Amino acid sequence: MRRKLIGRYIGVALLLAIMCVVPFVLSPYFKFLLTVALIYGLFAMSYDLVLGYTGLISVSHSVLFGAGAYGTLIVMDRLDINLWTAALIGLALSALVAWIIGFFSTRARGAGFIIMTIIFTLALYTVTLTWTDFTGGENGLILSQRSATLVPGLLNLSFKVGSLSLYYFTLLLVVISYVICRRIVSSPLGMIFQAIKGNEDRAKAIGYRVNRYKIIANIVAGIFAGLAGILFMLANSFISADIVGVFPAAEVIIWTLVGGAGTLIGPMLAAVFMTFLTDVLRSWTEHYLIILGAIFFFAVIFFPNGVVGFIRERRPTSGIEHEARDKETLQFVS
């Protein structure tokens, strides 16, 4: 076990070393693409907290992504507030929207919950699209600021395409977010999320206020989705109503299912891989969505638990680990 743990730490260290070095051999465009891929990875990981660990199929996660992006850009540009304060406001807006969606949607279960989240997404997308004076509608909003101060007098963050400082800033936040999310799912709160996913009626019978914990899961996931939205806005220096639509909400569901719901790392890797694959296919043919659809279809058929889930199932100790985790969850909620 100790040797396995050391091997895992070495693997993570090597991966981070590669991620730190690889931008120096990439063109500005591919540095930008890698930055966006990491952002989508963070977005997918945040959704895994809702789907993979709490068992909620929400189709409103793109709204939380957009809330962080719009809230931060509008405050930065129109009120001329610094990045840190604007980002906190953007995250607070994402958390507020997540609470509102969760408060009403968790009154329903199953298909009813899904429909409620779709209604919120369509409603807020329509508002974003039509309230052109505030959101820019289809034309979107452009971030006029080209840089921001991270550490006064020491470190500036550039928003240019292919910015090295923005890439490392994004990588740092993604790594920190992953560590926090891993701690959350291993905490007593995370155990309650998993208990709700495993057997909601039993969790309710034991005395847990299930709807309250569903809302909490949506808020926590919404904060990380909002962070991803903020980084996306900074990387593009632009946002439009498209980012809060149903299509990006469906995309993040697919990334989570293909990568492996309930693994955190699986959805991240799937999002990064699909971002680069989409870019390659788009350069080859205008019918790239058909190819992507076929890939998603076969991935879900042959890897019902996702690619990472499939790999974990094939490990010799996989069954023992899953049994121990399930037993720990049951003991916690009993």
Foldseek 3Di string as FASTA:
>chain_A
DVVVVVVVVVVVVVVVVCLLPVLVVDDLQVLLLLLLLLLQLLLLLLVLLQCQQQNALALQSLVLLQQLQLQLQCCCPVVVDANVVSNVRSLVRLLVVLLVLLVPLLVDDDPSSHVSNQVVLVVVLVCLQPVCVRAVHQNGDFRPDQWGDPDPPPDIGGLDRSGPSLSVVSVVVSVVSLVVVVVCCVDLLVLLSNVCNVPVVLLVVLPDPSSVSSSVSSSSSSSSSSVSSNSVCSNVSTDHSVSSHSVVSVVSVLLCQQQFRNPSNRSSVSSSVVSVVLVVLVVVDVVSVVVVVVVSVVSCVVPVRHPVVVVLVPDPCSVVVVVVSVVVSVVSSD
